[in-house]
Amino acid sequence: VPVVFFSAEMSKTQLTKRFLAIHSGIDSSRLMRNEIYQDEYDNLVKGLGILTELPIIIDDTPANTLTPSRMRSVLRRIKAERGTIGLVVMDYIQKLGDRAAGNRAQAVGKFSGAFKDMAKEFDSPFIALAQINRGVEGQANKRPFMSDIKDSGDIEQDMDLGLLLYRDEYYNSDTQDKGVMEINVAKNRNGQTGVCQVQFEPTAGQFL
């Protein structure tokens, strides 16, 4: 079942290297620089083998030309070829739309509503990544809230499930929660909300 990844942030090559880091265990920052140690080649080959078998389709259309109609066209073609779509990912929603527009929240809200419609049309879960306002950096408690989503507009209203991520190690090098990602289920239309912790490997960008 194919996974379709619309990347307005990174190129197809960069994103592929991120996926390769996950499946090879090689530091993603070194993969980006094509810096691989000799004793990592076996893991590299293994990771490439896994990656080539995964049904991941990456579309890195530039953000200024990636419109809902363009996305629908891509998804309809894939569904016609594959029969179904397992998951759609958008990275990231605030990157889209006319960046010169006066009301960014309104522009982002337009895309948010379109994503909701597409999820229904293609009967597939749709994950839209979003940035947090920089103001969070100046707070004593840097854990984000739904209101901290940048240009939030209709995002909170449209989403069925809202996950907010926080990693204490990012801000505090002496934390006892090294390798821990805190996931706040801040909104869940069909279930409970709450906070959980998972292991996270930052060098590979991998949840364990």
C-alpha atoms as a PDB file:
ATOM      1  CA  VAL A   1       0.000   0.000   0.000  1.00  0.00           C
ATOM      2  CA  PRO A   2       1.701   3.232  -1.107  1.00  0.00           C
ATOM      3  CA  VAL A   3       2.594   6.144   1.145  1.00  0.00           C
ATOM      4  CA  VAL A   4       2.642   9.515  -0.616  1.00  0.00           C
ATOM      5  CA  PHE A   5       4.945  12.165   0.827  1.00  0.00           C
ATOM      6  CA  PHE A   6       4.569  15.758  -0.358  1.00  0.00           C
ATOM      7  CA  SER A   7       7.734  17.566   0.697  1.00  0.00           C
ATOM      8  CA  ALA A   8       7.685  21.348   0.438  1.00  0.00           C
ATOM      9  CA  GLU A   9      10.589  21.583   2.892  1.00  0.00           C
ATOM     10  CA  MET A  10      13.218  19.146   1.590  1.00  0.00           C
ATOM     11  CA  SER A  11      14.151  17.849  -1.849  1.00  0.00           C
ATOM     12  CA  LYS A  12      13.495  14.248  -2.837  1.00  0.00           C
ATOM     13  CA  THR A  13      17.217  13.483  -2.437  1.00  0.00           C
ATOM     14  CA  GLN A  14      17.383  14.993   1.057  1.00  0.00           C
ATOM     15  CA  LEU A  15      14.260  13.184   2.202  1.00  0.00           C
ATOM     16  CA  THR A  16      15.483   9.879   0.789  1.00  0.00           C
ATOM     17  CA  LYS A  17      18.680  10.282   2.797  1.00  0.00           C
ATOM     18  CA  ARG A  18      16.602  10.881   5.935  1.00  0.00           C
ATOM     19  CA  PHE A  19      14.723   7.629   5.303  1.00  0.00           C
ATOM     20  CA  LEU A  20      18.015   5.878   4.599  1.00  0.00           C
ATOM     21  CA  ALA A  21      19.389   7.056   7.956  1.00  0.00           C
ATOM     22  CA  ILE A  22      16.435   5.416   9.703  1.00  0.00           C
ATOM     23  CA  HIS A  23      16.915   2.065   7.977  1.00  0.00           C
ATOM     24  CA  SER A  24      20.720   1.999   8.070  1.00  0.00           C
ATOM     25  CA  GLY A  25      21.375   3.542  11.490  1.00  0.00           C
ATOM     26  CA  ILE A  26      23.884   5.959   9.950  1.00  0.00           C
ATOM     27  CA  ASP A  27      23.960   9.535  11.246  1.00  0.00           C
ATOM     28  CA  SER A  28      21.621  11.540   9.000  1.00  0.00           C
ATOM     29  CA  SER A  29      23.831  14.649   9.079  1.00  0.00           C
ATOM     30  CA  ARG A  30      26.754  12.644   7.669  1.00  0.00           C
ATOM     31  CA  LEU A  31      24.552  11.038   5.034  1.00  0.00           C
ATOM     32  CA  MET A  32      23.544  14.523   3.914  1.00  0.00           C
ATOM     33  CA  ARG A  33      27.249  15.260   3.383  1.00  0.00           C
ATOM     34  CA  ASN A  34      27.845  11.857   1.727  1.00  0.00           C
ATOM     35  CA  GLU A  35      30.256  11.091   4.574  1.00  0.00           C
ATOM     36  CA  ILE A  36      30.157   7.361   5.276  1.00  0.00           C
ATOM     37  CA  TYR A  37      32.671   5.367   7.324  1.00  0.00           C
ATOM     38  CA  GLN A  38      34.100   2.175   5.899  1.00  0.00           C
ATOM     39  CA  ASP A  39      32.578  -0.015   8.612  1.00  0.00           C
ATOM     40  CA  GLU A  40      29.113   1.363   7.769  1.00  0.00           C
ATOM     41  CA  TYR A  41      28.938   0.120   4.179  1.00  0.00           C
ATOM     42  CA  ASP A  42      27.189  -3.138   5.087  1.00  0.00           C
ATOM     43  CA  ASN A  43      24.517  -1.186   6.966  1.00  0.00           C
ATOM     44  CA  LEU A  44      24.260   1.227   4.047  1.00  0.00           C
ATOM     45  CA  VAL A  45      23.644  -1.588   1.563  1.00  0.00           C
ATOM     46  CA  LYS A  46      21.126  -3.186   3.925  1.00  0.00           C
ATOM     47  CA  GLY A  47      19.314   0.121   4.367  1.00  0.00           C
ATOM     48  CA  LEU A  48      19.207   0.723   0.619  1.00  0.00           C
ATOM     49  CA  GLY A  49      17.752  -2.748   0.118  1.00  0.00           C
ATOM     50  CA  ILE A  50      14.973  -2.060   2.607  1.00  0.00           C
ATOM     51  CA  LEU A  51      14.285   1.394   1.198  1.00  0.00           C
ATOM     52  CA  THR A  52      13.959   0.229  -2.404  1.00  0.00           C
ATOM     53  CA  GLU A  53      11.247  -2.238  -1.348  1.00  0.00           C
ATOM     54  CA  LEU A  54       9.152   0.342   0.499  1.00  0.00           C
ATOM     55  CA  PRO A  55       6.165   1.765  -1.427  1.00  0.00           C
ATOM     56  CA  ILE A  56       7.046   5.397  -0.671  1.00  0.00           C
ATOM     57  CA  ILE A  57       6.297   7.991  -3.342  1.00  0.00           C
ATOM     58  CA  ILE A  58       7.916  11.403  -2.837  1.00  0.00           C
ATOM     59  CA  ASP A  59       6.643  14.544  -4.560  1.00  0.00           C
ATOM     60  CA  ASP A  60       8.915  17.540  -3.992  1.00  0.00           C
ATOM     61  CA  THR A  61       7.009  20.064  -6.082  1.00  0.00           C
ATOM     62  CA  PRO A  62       8.133  23.562  -4.958  1.00  0.00           C
ATOM     63  CA  ALA A  63       5.887  25.079  -2.303  1.00  0.00           C
ATOM     64  CA  ASN A  64       4.902  28.074  -4.440  1.00  0.00           C
ATOM     65  CA  THR A  65       3.427  25.788  -7.119  1.00  0.00           C
ATOM     66  CA  LEU A  66       2.042  23.012  -4.910  1.00  0.00           C
ATOM     67  CA  THR A  67      -1.704  23.611  -4.835  1.00  0.00           C
ATOM     68  CA  PRO A  68      -4.604  21.444  -3.627  1.00  0.00           C
ATOM     69  CA  SER A  69      -5.553  20.781  -7.266  1.00  0.00           C
ATOM     70  CA  ARG A  70      -1.999  19.651  -8.026  1.00  0.00           C
ATOM     71  CA  MET A  71      -2.050  17.331  -5.014  1.00  0.00           C
ATOM     72  CA  ARG A  72      -5.421  15.891  -6.016  1.00  0.00           C
ATOM     73  CA  SER A  73      -4.102  15.220  -9.510  1.00  0.00           C
ATOM     74  CA  VAL A  74      -1.086  13.342  -8.132  1.00  0.00           C
ATOM     75  CA  LEU A  75      -3.192  11.322  -5.694  1.00  0.00           C
ATOM     76  CA  ARG A  76      -5.792  10.412  -8.317  1.00  0.00           C
ATOM     77  CA  ARG A  77      -3.072   9.151 -10.646  1.00  0.00           C
ATOM     78  CA  ILE A  78      -1.485   7.055  -7.895  1.00  0.00           C
ATOM     79  CA  LYS A  79      -4.835   5.631  -6.816  1.00  0.00           C
ATOM     80  CA  ALA A  80      -5.646   4.728 -10.433  1.00  0.00           C
ATOM     81  CA  GLU A  81      -2.289   2.942 -10.739  1.00  0.00           C
ATOM     82  CA  ARG A  82      -2.125   1.298  -7.295  1.00  0.00           C
ATOM     83  CA  GLY A  83      -5.799   0.918  -6.386  1.00  0.00           C
ATOM     84  CA  THR A  84      -5.465   2.517  -2.959  1.00  0.00           C
ATOM     85  CA  ILE A  85      -3.391   4.969  -0.915  1.00  0.00           C
ATOM     86  CA  GLY A  86      -2.316   3.990   2.584  1.00  0.00           C
ATOM     87  CA  LEU A  87      -1.139   7.355   3.905  1.00  0.00           C
ATOM     88  CA  VAL A  88      -0.516  10.923   2.738  1.00  0.00           C
ATOM     89  CA  VAL A  89       2.057  13.150   4.465  1.00  0.00           C
ATOM     90  CA  MET A  90       2.534  16.899   3.947  1.00  0.00           C
ATOM     91  CA  ASP A  91       5.739  18.550   5.179  1.00  0.00           C
ATOM     92  CA  TYR A  92       4.886  21.224   6.133  1.00  0.00           C
ATOM     93  CA  ILE A  93       1.593  23.107   5.888  1.00  0.00           C
ATOM     94  CA  GLN A  94       2.820  26.669   6.604  1.00  0.00           C
ATOM     95  CA  LYS A  95       5.250  26.378   3.690  1.00  0.00           C
ATOM     96  CA  LEU A  96       2.342  26.350   1.237  1.00  0.00           C
ATOM     97  CA  GLY A  97       0.380  29.154  -0.370  1.00  0.00           C
ATOM     98  CA  ASP A  98       1.283  32.672  -1.413  1.00  0.00           C
ATOM     99  CA  ARG A  99       3.965  33.766   1.033  1.00  0.00           C
ATOM    100  CA  ALA A 100       3.313  37.381   0.061  1.00  0.00           C
ATOM    101  CA  ALA A 101      -0.341  37.117   1.052  1.00  0.00           C
ATOM    102  CA  GLY A 102      -1.417  39.509   3.791  1.00  0.00           C
ATOM    103  CA  ASN A 103      -3.337  36.949   5.829  1.00  0.00           C
ATOM    104  CA  ARG A 104      -1.152  33.878   6.230  1.00  0.00           C
ATOM    105  CA  ALA A 105      -3.560  32.254   8.680  1.00  0.00           C
ATOM    106  CA  GLN A 106      -6.320  32.441   6.073  1.00  0.00           C
ATOM    107  CA  ALA A 107      -4.063  30.952   3.386  1.00  0.00           C
ATOM    108  CA  VAL A 108      -2.959  28.108   5.665  1.00  0.00           C
ATOM    109  CA  GLY A 109      -6.573  27.518   6.686  1.00  0.00           C
ATOM    110  CA  LYS A 110      -7.502  27.072   3.029  1.00  0.00           C
ATOM    111  CA  PHE A 111      -4.964  24.263   2.674  1.00  0.00           C
ATOM    112  CA  SER A 112      -6.029  22.730   5.972  1.00  0.00           C
ATOM    113  CA  GLY A 113      -9.614  22.466   4.753  1.00  0.00           C
ATOM    114  CA  ALA A 114      -8.443  21.021   1.430  1.00  0.00           C
ATOM    115  CA  PHE A 115      -6.438  18.329   3.241  1.00  0.00           C
ATOM    116  CA  LYS A 116      -9.534  17.378   5.225  1.00  0.00           C
ATOM    117  CA  ASP A 117     -11.523  17.043   2.006  1.00  0.00           C
ATOM    118  CA  MET A 118      -8.794  14.969   0.342  1.00  0.00           C
ATOM    119  CA  ALA A 119      -8.617  12.597   3.298  1.00  0.00           C
ATOM    120  CA  LYS A 120     -12.318  11.891   2.762  1.00  0.00           C
ATOM    121  CA  GLU A 121     -12.055  11.703  -1.029  1.00  0.00           C
ATOM    122  CA  PHE A 122      -9.227   9.169  -1.017  1.00  0.00           C
ATOM    123  CA  ASP A 123     -10.299   7.417   2.195  1.00  0.00           C
ATOM    124  CA  SER A 124      -6.749   7.750   3.525  1.00  0.00           C
ATOM    125  CA  PRO A 125      -5.253   9.219   6.692  1.00  0.00           C
ATOM    126  CA  PHE A 126      -3.577  12.557   6.039  1.00  0.00           C
ATOM    127  CA  ILE A 127      -0.700  13.797   8.206  1.00  0.00           C
ATOM    128  CA  ALA A 128       0.113  17.500   7.925  1.00  0.00           C
ATOM    129  CA  LEU A 129       3.256  18.605   9.742  1.00  0.00           C
ATOM    130  CA  ALA A 130       3.187  22.120  11.168  1.00  0.00           C
ATOM    131  CA  GLN A 131       5.667  24.520  12.710  1.00  0.00           C
ATOM    132  CA  ILE A 132       5.403  26.044  16.157  1.00  0.00           C
ATOM    133  CA  ASN A 133       5.678  29.798  16.758  1.00  0.00           C
ATOM    134  CA  ARG A 134       9.143  30.952  17.773  1.00  0.00           C
ATOM    135  CA  GLY A 135       7.674  32.577  20.855  1.00  0.00           C
ATOM    136  CA  VAL A 136       7.779  29.174  22.537  1.00  0.00           C
ATOM    137  CA  GLU A 137      11.576  29.489  22.670  1.00  0.00           C
ATOM    138  CA  GLY A 138      11.265  32.391  25.091  1.00  0.00           C
ATOM    139  CA  GLN A 139       8.963  30.608  27.518  1.00  0.00           C
ATOM    140  CA  ALA A 140      10.152  28.965  30.719  1.00  0.00           C
ATOM    141  CA  ASN A 141       8.095  25.892  29.831  1.00  0.00           C
ATOM    142  CA  LYS A 142       8.895  25.206  26.199  1.00  0.00           C
ATOM    143  CA  ARG A 143       6.304  22.489  25.782  1.00  0.00           C
ATOM    144  CA  PRO A 144       4.018  23.691  22.971  1.00  0.00           C
ATOM    145  CA  PHE A 145       0.256  24.119  23.132  1.00  0.00           C
ATOM    146  CA  MET A 146      -2.252  24.016  20.279  1.00  0.00           C
ATOM    147  CA  SER A 147      -2.349  27.824  20.325  1.00  0.00           C
ATOM    148  CA  ASP A 148       1.387  27.842  19.529  1.00  0.00           C
ATOM    149  CA  ILE A 149       0.902  26.364  16.054  1.00  0.00           C
ATOM    150  CA  LYS A 150       2.162  28.960  13.575  1.00  0.00           C
ATOM    151  CA  ASP A 151      -0.550  30.613  11.424  1.00  0.00           C
ATOM    152  CA  SER A 152      -2.941  28.173  13.055  1.00  0.00           C
ATOM    153  CA  GLY A 153      -6.121  29.488  11.445  1.00  0.00           C
ATOM    154  CA  ASP A 154      -8.405  26.503  10.912  1.00  0.00           C
ATOM    155  CA  ILE A 155      -5.762  23.811  11.521  1.00  0.00           C
ATOM    156  CA  GLU A 156      -6.976  22.957  15.022  1.00  0.00           C
ATOM    157  CA  GLN A 157     -10.604  22.921  13.907  1.00  0.00           C
ATOM    158  CA  ASP A 158      -9.964  20.667  10.895  1.00  0.00           C
ATOM    159  CA  MET A 159      -7.717  18.086  12.528  1.00  0.00           C
ATOM    160  CA  ASP A 160      -9.061  14.869  14.016  1.00  0.00           C
ATOM    161  CA  LEU A 161      -5.861  14.167  15.934  1.00  0.00           C
ATOM    162  CA  GLY A 162      -3.334  16.734  17.122  1.00  0.00           C
ATOM    163  CA  LEU A 163       0.087  15.628  18.373  1.00  0.00           C
ATOM    164  CA  LEU A 164       2.544  18.101  19.912  1.00  0.00           C
ATOM    165  CA  LEU A 165       6.161  16.960  20.228  1.00  0.00           C
ATOM    166  CA  TYR A 166       8.684  18.030  22.851  1.00  0.00           C
ATOM    167  CA  ARG A 167      12.220  16.810  23.483  1.00  0.00           C
ATOM    168  CA  ASP A 168      13.808  18.150  26.682  1.00  0.00           C
ATOM    169  CA  GLU A 169      17.266  17.108  25.507  1.00  0.00           C
ATOM    170  CA  TYR A 170      17.000  19.682  22.696  1.00  0.00           C
ATOM    171  CA  TYR A 171      16.885  22.514  25.241  1.00  0.00           C
ATOM    172  CA  ASN A 172      18.698  21.032  28.262  1.00  0.00           C
ATOM    173  CA  SER A 173      21.885  19.081  27.633  1.00  0.00           C
ATOM    174  CA  ASP A 174      22.004  17.890  31.260  1.00  0.00           C
ATOM    175  CA  THR A 175      18.451  16.490  31.279  1.00  0.00           C
ATOM    176  CA  GLN A 176      17.756  13.040  32.677  1.00  0.00           C
ATOM    177  CA  ASP A 177      15.382  12.404  29.759  1.00  0.00           C
ATOM    178  CA  LYS A 178      18.025  11.797  27.114  1.00  0.00           C
ATOM    179  CA  GLY A 179      16.702  10.012  24.054  1.00  0.00           C
ATOM    180  CA  VAL A 180      13.103  10.684  25.097  1.00  0.00           C
ATOM    181  CA  MET A 181      10.406  12.311  22.959  1.00  0.00           C
ATOM    182  CA  GLU A 182       7.310  13.545  24.755  1.00  0.00           C
ATOM    183  CA  ILE A 183       4.128  13.283  22.682  1.00  0.00           C
ATOM    184  CA  ASN A 184       1.151  15.315  23.816  1.00  0.00           C
ATOM    185  CA  VAL A 185      -2.096  14.034  22.294  1.00  0.00           C
ATOM    186  CA  ALA A 186      -3.639  17.499  22.557  1.00  0.00           C
ATOM    187  CA  LYS A 187      -6.703  16.723  20.458  1.00  0.00           C
ATOM    188  CA  ASN A 188      -8.376  13.416  19.691  1.00  0.00           C
ATOM    189  CA  ARG A 189     -11.779  13.609  18.077  1.00  0.00           C
ATOM    190  CA  ASN A 190     -12.410   9.898  18.580  1.00  0.00           C
ATOM    191  CA  GLY A 191     -10.566   9.064  21.763  1.00  0.00           C
ATOM    192  CA  GLN A 192      -8.633  10.183  24.810  1.00  0.00           C
ATOM    193  CA  THR A 193      -6.028  12.908  25.114  1.00  0.00           C
ATOM    194  CA  GLY A 194      -2.908  12.809  27.263  1.00  0.00           C
ATOM    195  CA  VAL A 195       0.878  12.639  27.248  1.00  0.00           C
ATOM    196  CA  CYS A 196       3.148   9.685  26.546  1.00  0.00           C
ATOM    197  CA  GLN A 197       6.892   9.229  26.164  1.00  0.00           C
ATOM    198  CA  VAL A 198       8.733   7.272  23.487  1.00  0.00           C
ATOM    199  CA  GLN A 199      12.377   6.607  22.740  1.00  0.00           C
ATOM    200  CA  PHE A 200      13.867   8.790  20.006  1.00  0.00           C
ATOM    201  CA  GLU A 201      17.210   8.518  18.223  1.00  0.00           C
ATOM    202  CA  PRO A 202      18.066  12.049  17.009  1.00  0.00           C
ATOM    203  CA  THR A 203      21.055  11.112  14.840  1.00  0.00           C
ATOM    204  CA  ALA A 204      18.824   8.952  12.641  1.00  0.00           C
ATOM    205  CA  GLY A 205      15.592  10.837  13.317  1.00  0.00           C
ATOM    206  CA  GLN A 206      13.966   7.592  14.385  1.00  0.00           C
ATOM    207  CA  PHE A 207      11.270   6.764  16.911  1.00  0.00           C
ATOM    208  CA  LEU A 208      12.098   3.470  18.626  1.00  0.00           C
END
